[in-house]
Protein backbone atom coordinates (compact mmCIF):
# COMPACT_ATOMS: atom_id res chain seq x y z
CA SER A 1 0.00 0.00 0.00
CA PHE A 2 1.02 3.62 -0.49
CA SER A 3 2.53 4.41 2.90
CA LEU A 4 2.83 8.21 2.66
CA SER A 5 -0.12 10.42 3.60
CA TRP A 6 -1.04 13.53 1.64
CA SER A 7 0.04 15.70 4.58
CA HIS A 8 3.54 14.14 4.34
CA LEU A 9 3.60 14.78 0.59
CA ASP A 10 2.38 18.34 1.11
CA ALA A 11 5.17 19.08 3.58
CA HIS A 12 7.75 17.40 1.33
CA PHE A 13 6.82 19.33 -1.80
CA THR A 14 6.44 22.61 0.08
CA SER A 15 9.97 22.21 1.37
CA LEU A 16 11.25 21.38 -2.12
CA HIS A 17 9.45 24.37 -3.62
CA THR A 18 10.99 26.73 -1.07
CA SER A 19 14.47 25.30 -1.66
CA LEU A 20 14.21 25.43 -5.46
CA SER A 21 12.82 28.98 -5.39
CA HIS A 22 15.75 30.09 -3.26
CA ARG A 23 18.22 28.48 -5.67
CA PHE A 24 16.46 30.02 -8.66
CA HIS A 25 16.62 33.54 -7.21
CA LEU A 26 20.26 33.01 -6.27
CA LEU A 27 21.08 31.99 -9.86
CA GLN A 28 19.22 35.06 -11.16
CA SER A 29 21.28 37.26 -8.86
CA LEU A 30 24.56 35.68 -9.96
CA GLU A 31 23.60 35.95 -13.61
CA SER A 32 22.81 39.65 -13.31
CA GLN A 33 26.24 40.26 -11.78
CA GLN A 34 28.14 38.35 -14.44
CA GLN A 35 29.97 40.51 -16.98
CA TYR A 36 30.05 39.34 -20.58
CA PRO A 37 32.82 40.29 -23.03
CA PRO A 38 31.74 42.78 -25.73
CA SER A 39 32.94 40.61 -28.60
CA SER A 40 30.30 38.77 -30.57
CA PRO A 41 29.89 35.08 -29.73
CA SER A 42 31.38 32.50 -32.00
CA LYS A 43 29.04 30.44 -34.14
CA TYR A 44 29.79 27.31 -32.13
CA LEU A 45 30.82 26.77 -28.57
CA SER A 46 34.06 24.92 -28.01
CA PHE A 47 34.24 22.25 -25.34
CA PRO A 48 37.48 21.03 -23.78
CA PRO A 49 38.52 17.58 -24.95
CA SER A 50 37.36 14.68 -22.80
CA PRO A 51 39.21 11.38 -22.47
CA THR A 52 35.95 9.49 -23.08
CA ASP A 53 34.88 11.44 -26.18
CA PRO A 54 34.45 9.10 -29.15
CA SER A 55 37.38 9.87 -31.42
CA SER A 56 36.16 7.82 -34.32
CA GLN A 57 33.06 6.11 -35.59
CA ASN A 58 33.22 3.16 -37.97
CA GLY A 59 36.79 4.13 -38.79
CA THR A 60 35.86 7.76 -39.58
CA ALA A 61 37.31 10.54 -37.45
CA LEU A 62 34.66 12.67 -35.80
CA PRO A 63 34.74 16.44 -36.37
CA LYS A 64 35.86 18.55 -33.43
CA ASN A 65 32.86 20.88 -33.63
CA PRO A 66 30.35 19.72 -30.97
CA SER A 67 27.32 20.29 -33.20
CA GLU A 68 28.88 18.29 -36.02
CA GLN A 69 29.88 15.54 -33.58
CA ILE A 70 26.28 15.16 -32.45
CA LEU A 71 25.03 15.04 -36.04
CA THR A 72 27.70 12.48 -36.98
CA LEU A 73 26.83 10.21 -34.04
CA CYS A 74 23.12 10.41 -34.89
CA ASN A 75 23.73 9.76 -38.58
CA ASN A 76 25.78 6.70 -37.64
CA MET A 77 23.03 5.49 -35.27
CA ASP A 78 25.50 5.31 -32.39
CA GLY A 79 23.22 5.51 -29.36
CA LYS A 80 25.87 4.60 -26.81
CA GLY A 81 28.42 6.94 -28.38
CA LEU A 82 25.87 9.77 -28.32
CA ARG A 83 25.08 9.06 -24.67
CA ASP A 84 28.76 9.10 -23.70
CA TYR A 85 29.50 12.27 -25.67
CA VAL A 86 26.50 14.17 -24.30
CA GLY A 87 27.29 12.85 -20.82
CA ASP A 88 30.78 14.29 -20.98
CA HIS A 89 29.30 17.72 -21.81
CA LEU A 90 26.10 17.57 -19.80
CA LYS A 91 26.96 20.74 -17.90
CA ASP A 92 26.75 22.54 -21.25
CA LYS A 93 23.45 20.90 -22.23
CA ALA A 94 21.79 24.25 -22.98
CA ALA A 95 24.37 24.81 -25.73
CA ILE A 96 23.72 21.46 -27.43
CA GLU A 97 19.97 21.15 -26.86
CA ASP A 98 18.86 22.72 -30.16
CA THR A 99 21.36 20.72 -32.22
CA LEU A 100 20.38 17.49 -30.48
CA ARG A 101 16.65 18.07 -31.01
CA SER A 102 17.22 18.90 -34.67
CA ALA A 103 19.31 15.76 -35.17
CA LEU A 104 16.76 13.55 -33.42
CA LYS A 105 13.91 15.11 -35.37
CA SER A 106 15.64 14.50 -38.69
CA ALA A 107 16.34 10.90 -37.70
CA SER A 108 12.64 10.44 -36.83
CA ASP A 109 11.75 6.82 -35.99
CA ALA A 110 15.38 5.74 -36.29
CA ALA A 111 16.24 8.09 -33.41
CA ALA A 112 13.87 6.26 -31.07
CA SER A 113 15.49 2.96 -31.95
CA MET A 114 18.97 4.43 -31.57
CA LEU A 115 18.26 5.84 -28.10
CA LEU A 116 17.16 2.45 -26.85
CA ASP A 117 20.84 1.54 -27.28
CA SER A 118 21.74 4.31 -24.82
CA LEU A 119 20.28 2.17 -22.03
CA ASP A 120 22.98 -0.45 -22.53
CA GLY A 121 24.89 -0.43 -19.25
CA VAL A 122 22.00 1.33 -17.49
CA VAL A 123 19.28 -1.33 -17.55
CA GLY A 124 19.65 -5.10 -17.71
CA ALA A 125 22.31 -7.64 -16.88
CA ASN A 126 25.31 -5.49 -17.86
CA VAL A 127 24.59 -2.46 -15.64
CA VAL A 128 27.83 -0.60 -14.93
CA LYS A 129 29.01 -1.13 -11.34
CA ASP A 130 30.54 2.31 -10.81
CA ASP A 131 27.82 4.29 -8.97
CA LYS A 132 29.13 7.65 -10.14
CA GLU A 133 29.26 6.54 -13.77
CA LEU A 134 25.82 4.92 -13.52
CA ARG A 135 24.25 8.12 -12.14
CA LYS A 136 25.91 10.07 -14.95
CA ARG A 137 24.48 7.70 -17.56
CA LYS A 138 21.01 7.93 -16.01
CA ARG A 139 21.12 11.74 -16.04
CA THR A 140 22.26 11.67 -19.65
CA CYS A 141 19.52 9.24 -20.69
CA SER A 142 16.98 11.42 -18.89
CA PHE A 143 18.16 14.40 -20.95
CA LEU A 144 18.17 12.40 -24.20
CA PHE A 145 14.65 11.02 -23.69
CA LYS A 146 13.37 14.50 -22.87
CA GLN A 147 14.82 15.84 -26.13
CA LEU A 148 13.37 12.88 -28.05
CA ARG A 149 9.94 13.57 -26.58
CA ALA A 150 10.20 17.22 -27.58
CA ALA A 151 11.60 16.53 -31.05
CA ALA A 152 9.05 14.17 -32.55
CA SER A 153 6.42 11.53 -31.84
CA VAL A 154 7.86 8.04 -31.55
CA SER A 155 6.80 5.21 -33.84
CA LEU A 156 8.56 1.87 -33.45
CA SER A 157 8.54 -1.36 -35.38
CA PHE A 158 6.94 -4.37 -33.68
CA LYS A 159 10.38 -5.71 -32.77
CA GLU A 160 11.48 -2.40 -31.26
CA LYS A 161 8.19 -2.08 -29.35
CA LEU A 162 8.85 -5.44 -27.75
CA ARG A 163 12.36 -4.31 -26.88
CA ALA A 164 11.10 -1.04 -25.35
CA ASN A 165 8.48 -2.91 -23.32
CA ARG A 166 11.08 -5.38 -22.05
CA LEU A 167 13.35 -2.51 -21.00
CA CYS A 168 10.40 -0.86 -19.26
CA VAL A 169 9.64 -4.00 -17.25
CA ASP A 170 13.30 -4.58 -16.32
CA TRP A 171 13.88 -0.95 -15.36
CA LYS A 172 10.69 -0.74 -13.28
CA ARG A 173 11.62 -3.93 -11.46
CA SER A 174 15.11 -2.66 -10.65
CA LEU A 175 13.73 0.64 -9.32
CA MET A 176 11.25 -1.14 -7.06
CA ARG A 177 13.73 -3.73 -5.80
CA ASP A 178 14.63 -3.61 -2.09
CA GLY A 179 12.85 -0.28 -1.61
CA CYS A 180 15.74 1.53 -3.31
CA VAL A 181 15.23 5.32 -3.47
CA ASP A 182 16.83 6.32 -6.76
CA GLY A 183 15.66 9.83 -7.67
CA VAL A 184 17.91 10.13 -10.72
CA GLY A 185 16.82 6.75 -12.04
CA ALA A 186 13.12 7.43 -11.34
CA MET A 187 13.24 10.70 -13.29
CA ALA A 188 15.02 9.06 -16.21
CA PHE A 189 12.49 6.22 -16.16
CA LEU A 190 9.54 8.63 -16.26
CA HIS A 191 11.11 10.48 -19.22
CA PHE A 192 11.60 7.09 -20.91
CA VAL A 193 8.03 5.84 -20.53
CA ALA A 194 6.67 9.23 -21.61
CA ALA A 195 8.89 9.39 -24.71
CA TYR A 196 8.08 5.83 -25.80
CA GLY A 197 4.36 5.91 -25.05
CA LEU A 198 4.59 3.37 -22.23
CA LEU A 199 2.64 5.24 -19.54
CA SER A 200 -0.20 2.75 -19.97
CA GLU A 201 2.18 0.07 -18.67
CA LEU A 202 2.21 1.78 -15.26
CA THR A 203 -0.54 1.90 -12.67
CA VAL A 204 -1.50 5.22 -11.08
CA HIS A 205 0.10 3.96 -7.88
CA GLU A 206 3.40 3.30 -9.70
CA ILE A 207 3.33 6.73 -11.32
CA LEU A 208 2.75 8.34 -7.92
CA THR A 209 5.52 6.26 -6.35
CA PHE A 210 8.12 7.16 -8.98
CA SER A 211 6.98 10.80 -8.91
CA VAL A 212 7.56 11.01 -5.17
CA ILE A 213 11.01 9.43 -5.57
CA ALA A 214 11.88 11.90 -8.37
CA ALA A 215 10.26 14.88 -6.65
CA SER A 216 13.52 16.77 -6.06
CA ASN A 217 14.03 17.08 -9.84
CA ASP A 218 12.67 20.38 -11.17
CA GLU A 219 11.77 18.71 -14.50
CA LEU A 220 8.92 16.76 -12.91
CA ALA A 221 6.32 19.53 -13.32
CA GLU A 222 7.18 19.99 -17.02
CA LEU A 223 6.92 16.25 -17.59
CA TYR A 224 3.50 16.09 -15.92
CA TRP A 225 2.19 18.89 -18.10
CA SER A 226 3.67 17.83 -21.45
CA ALA A 227 3.00 14.10 -21.07
CA GLY A 228 -0.58 14.48 -19.86
CA LEU A 229 0.12 13.05 -16.43
CA THR A 230 -1.94 15.80 -14.81
CA ASP A 231 -5.03 13.89 -15.94
CA LYS A 232 -3.69 10.43 -15.11
CA ALA A 233 -2.52 11.30 -11.58
CA PRO A 234 -4.38 14.49 -10.58
CA GLY A 235 -3.67 13.93 -6.90
CA LEU A 236 -0.18 15.39 -7.26
CA ASN A 237 -1.15 18.47 -9.27
CA SER A 238 -1.27 20.83 -6.32
CA PHE A 239 2.11 19.66 -5.08
CA ILE A 240 4.00 20.33 -8.31
CA GLY A 241 2.61 23.75 -9.11
CA PHE A 242 -0.60 23.14 -11.10
């Protein structure tokens, strides 16, 4: 049974709202104080090299420009390579968001299939054992699935639908196992089921459970609104700002 009362949830979300509001105003204050150089920005941002950046794909050297790297990885259907590259530059995700969405949109249905590969090492028997690396991969997958959901509607072949459903079942089971509280994983999972049209595979109780676990993530409200969860689980609307 759902052990938390609404009064507990109310107090929890109120506390989160206060904390996030404070952080938001602090960031606004810091941004207003920051001085920008008068020179015009370059057409592309340059990222420092990372030891885990893919240096080649199918024997072809990747371009150094980050936008071109993303396009090359998408064109080559390298889901794991894209995950690792984006993960290495996740702090600069605002700079690569538009390029990533454009690349995923142009790839259409193939993009959805490709991003299922990004879960290799995150879900299933070969989950990476390094906790720090696993959390990084989950955050990256969360970002990738969010961009996929924003870029285009997902349509999968029968084979890929079966694969997505299997991943959904395995991931849900791992999140529920031993009462583990994995906020990063829960948020990534919710982005996944929303992007791949798998919300019907979850009960309202499961949606509420994963939402509570992921509540500290400020993307939860946007996900509820854009994915239509406000109608499926209206009990949480007041707690996430609706």
